[in-house]
Amino acid sequence: MVKIWDDTTTVETCPVCDSLEVRVVEPDWFVLELGADLAQRADLVRRAEAGIEFHCRDCGWNWF
């Protein structure tokens, strides 16, 4: 859920408790080993980065 205060300010809010204490969950660090299947693993990494996960500090809810 997004709240808009004016034309330039938008803030993500929790869809469960309507809190403004929302943060983006940092993705896990990873290592790509060089090898014959490097292209296949690179596709998996790109798919994992496509979505942004949010976390509410007040109620603990996670969403995309």
N, C-alpha and C. Protein backbone atom coordinates (compact mmCIF):
# COMPACT_ATOMS: atom_id res chain seq x y z
N MET A 1 0.84 -1.17 0.00
CA MET A 1 0.00 0.00 0.00
C MET A 1 0.89 1.24 0.00
N VAL A 2 0.50 2.23 -0.74
CA VAL A 2 1.29 3.45 -0.85
C VAL A 2 0.42 4.64 -0.49
N LYS A 3 0.93 5.51 0.35
CA LYS A 3 0.24 6.76 0.67
C LYS A 3 0.92 7.89 -0.08
N ILE A 4 0.14 8.79 -0.61
CA ILE A 4 0.66 9.93 -1.37
C ILE A 4 0.27 11.21 -0.64
N TRP A 5 1.30 12.00 -0.25
CA TRP A 5 1.03 13.26 0.44
C TRP A 5 0.91 14.44 -0.53
N ASP A 6 1.76 14.46 -1.52
CA ASP A 6 1.69 15.50 -2.55
C ASP A 6 2.19 14.89 -3.85
N ASP A 7 2.45 15.69 -4.85
CA ASP A 7 2.86 15.16 -6.15
C ASP A 7 4.24 14.51 -6.14
N THR A 8 5.05 14.78 -5.13
CA THR A 8 6.42 14.27 -5.14
C THR A 8 6.72 13.28 -4.01
N THR A 9 5.85 13.10 -3.04
CA THR A 9 6.13 12.26 -1.88
C THR A 9 5.19 11.08 -1.81
N THR A 10 5.76 9.87 -1.89
CA THR A 10 4.99 8.64 -1.69
C THR A 10 5.70 7.79 -0.65
N VAL A 11 4.94 7.10 0.17
CA VAL A 11 5.50 6.29 1.24
C VAL A 11 4.81 4.93 1.24
N GLU A 12 5.59 3.86 1.32
CA GLU A 12 5.04 2.51 1.43
C GLU A 12 4.53 2.32 2.86
N THR A 13 3.32 1.81 3.01
CA THR A 13 2.75 1.52 4.32
C THR A 13 2.39 0.05 4.40
N CYS A 14 2.34 -0.47 5.60
CA CYS A 14 2.01 -1.87 5.82
C CYS A 14 0.55 -2.13 5.47
N PRO A 15 0.25 -3.16 4.65
CA PRO A 15 -1.14 -3.44 4.31
C PRO A 15 -1.93 -4.06 5.46
N VAL A 16 -1.25 -4.51 6.52
CA VAL A 16 -1.92 -5.14 7.65
C VAL A 16 -2.24 -4.13 8.74
N CYS A 17 -1.21 -3.38 9.20
CA CYS A 17 -1.41 -2.48 10.34
C CYS A 17 -1.33 -1.00 9.97
N ASP A 18 -1.09 -0.69 8.69
CA ASP A 18 -1.03 0.68 8.19
C ASP A 18 0.13 1.49 8.77
N SER A 19 1.16 0.80 9.27
CA SER A 19 2.33 1.45 9.85
C SER A 19 3.22 2.04 8.76
N LEU A 20 3.95 3.09 9.10
CA LEU A 20 4.93 3.68 8.20
C LEU A 20 6.34 3.10 8.43
N GLU A 21 6.49 2.21 9.43
CA GLU A 21 7.79 1.60 9.74
C GLU A 21 8.04 0.42 8.81
N VAL A 22 8.20 0.72 7.52
CA VAL A 22 8.37 -0.30 6.48
C VAL A 22 9.77 -0.17 5.90
N ARG A 23 10.43 -1.31 5.72
CA ARG A 23 11.77 -1.34 5.15
C ARG A 23 11.83 -2.38 4.05
N VAL A 24 12.77 -2.22 3.13
CA VAL A 24 13.01 -3.20 2.08
C VAL A 24 13.93 -4.27 2.65
N VAL A 25 13.59 -5.54 2.41
CA VAL A 25 14.42 -6.64 2.86
C VAL A 25 15.59 -6.77 1.90
N GLU A 26 16.80 -6.74 2.46
CA GLU A 26 18.00 -6.85 1.63
C GLU A 26 18.14 -8.29 1.13
N PRO A 27 18.48 -8.45 -0.14
CA PRO A 27 18.68 -9.82 -0.67
C PRO A 27 19.91 -10.46 -0.05
N ASP A 28 19.89 -11.80 0.01
CA ASP A 28 21.05 -12.53 0.52
C ASP A 28 22.22 -12.38 -0.45
N TRP A 29 23.41 -12.36 0.10
CA TRP A 29 24.60 -12.30 -0.74
C TRP A 29 24.81 -13.66 -1.37
N PHE A 30 25.40 -13.68 -2.51
CA PHE A 30 25.61 -14.94 -3.23
C PHE A 30 26.94 -14.89 -3.97
N VAL A 31 27.40 -16.07 -4.37
CA VAL A 31 28.63 -16.20 -5.14
C VAL A 31 28.33 -17.01 -6.38
N LEU A 32 28.73 -16.51 -7.53
CA LEU A 32 28.61 -17.26 -8.77
C LEU A 32 29.96 -17.88 -9.09
N GLU A 33 29.98 -19.19 -9.21
CA GLU A 33 31.21 -19.86 -9.58
C GLU A 33 31.29 -19.93 -11.10
N LEU A 34 32.48 -19.72 -11.63
CA LEU A 34 32.65 -19.82 -13.07
C LEU A 34 32.55 -21.28 -13.49
N GLY A 35 31.89 -21.49 -14.61
CA GLY A 35 31.75 -22.85 -15.10
C GLY A 35 30.88 -22.88 -16.32
N ALA A 36 30.61 -24.07 -16.81
CA ALA A 36 29.83 -24.24 -18.04
C ALA A 36 28.39 -23.79 -17.88
N ASP A 37 27.85 -23.85 -16.66
CA ASP A 37 26.44 -23.49 -16.45
C ASP A 37 26.28 -22.07 -15.91
N LEU A 38 27.23 -21.21 -16.15
CA LEU A 38 27.19 -19.82 -15.65
C LEU A 38 25.97 -19.07 -16.17
N ALA A 39 25.62 -19.24 -17.45
CA ALA A 39 24.47 -18.54 -18.03
C ALA A 39 23.18 -18.98 -17.34
N GLN A 40 23.06 -20.26 -17.02
CA GLN A 40 21.86 -20.76 -16.34
C GLN A 40 21.76 -20.16 -14.95
N ARG A 41 22.85 -20.09 -14.21
CA ARG A 41 22.82 -19.52 -12.86
C ARG A 41 22.56 -18.02 -12.90
N ALA A 42 23.06 -17.34 -13.90
CA ALA A 42 22.82 -15.90 -14.03
C ALA A 42 21.33 -15.63 -14.23
N ASP A 43 20.64 -16.48 -14.98
CA ASP A 43 19.19 -16.33 -15.15
C ASP A 43 18.46 -16.48 -13.83
N LEU A 44 18.91 -17.41 -12.98
CA LEU A 44 18.29 -17.60 -11.67
C LEU A 44 18.47 -16.37 -10.79
N VAL A 45 19.64 -15.76 -10.85
CA VAL A 45 19.92 -14.56 -10.05
C VAL A 45 19.04 -13.41 -10.52
N ARG A 46 18.92 -13.24 -11.83
CA ARG A 46 18.08 -12.15 -12.35
C ARG A 46 16.63 -12.32 -11.91
N ARG A 47 16.12 -13.54 -11.92
CA ARG A 47 14.73 -13.78 -11.48
C ARG A 47 14.57 -13.46 -10.01
N ALA A 48 15.56 -13.78 -9.19
CA ALA A 48 15.48 -13.52 -7.75
C ALA A 48 15.48 -12.02 -7.46
N GLU A 49 16.17 -11.22 -8.29
CA GLU A 49 16.23 -9.77 -8.06
C GLU A 49 15.02 -9.03 -8.58
N ALA A 50 14.14 -9.70 -9.31
CA ALA A 50 13.02 -9.02 -9.96
C ALA A 50 12.03 -8.46 -8.95
N GLY A 51 11.81 -9.16 -7.83
CA GLY A 51 10.83 -8.71 -6.86
C GLY A 51 11.48 -8.00 -5.69
N ILE A 52 10.80 -7.02 -5.15
CA ILE A 52 11.27 -6.31 -3.96
C ILE A 52 10.39 -6.75 -2.80
N GLU A 53 11.03 -7.20 -1.73
CA GLU A 53 10.29 -7.66 -0.56
C GLU A 53 10.32 -6.57 0.51
N PHE A 54 9.16 -6.29 1.10
CA PHE A 54 9.04 -5.30 2.16
C PHE A 54 8.79 -5.99 3.50
N HIS A 55 9.19 -5.35 4.60
CA HIS A 55 9.01 -5.87 5.94
C HIS A 55 8.51 -4.75 6.86
N CYS A 56 7.47 -5.03 7.62
CA CYS A 56 6.95 -4.05 8.59
C CYS A 56 7.63 -4.29 9.93
N ARG A 57 8.23 -3.25 10.48
CA ARG A 57 8.91 -3.37 11.77
C ARG A 57 7.92 -3.44 12.94
N ASP A 58 6.70 -2.95 12.76
CA ASP A 58 5.74 -2.97 13.84
C ASP A 58 5.06 -4.33 14.02
N CYS A 59 4.51 -4.89 12.93
CA CYS A 59 3.76 -6.15 13.07
C CYS A 59 4.51 -7.36 12.52
N GLY A 60 5.61 -7.14 11.77
CA GLY A 60 6.41 -8.25 11.26
C GLY A 60 5.95 -8.83 9.94
N TRP A 61 4.96 -8.25 9.30
CA TRP A 61 4.41 -8.77 8.03
C TRP A 61 5.41 -8.53 6.91
N ASN A 62 5.56 -9.52 6.02
CA ASN A 62 6.39 -9.40 4.81
C ASN A 62 5.51 -9.48 3.58
N TRP A 63 5.82 -8.71 2.55
CA TRP A 63 5.06 -8.77 1.31
C TRP A 63 5.94 -8.32 0.16
N PHE A 64 5.48 -8.61 -1.06
CA PHE A 64 6.20 -8.23 -2.28
C PHE A 64 5.48 -7.11 -2.99
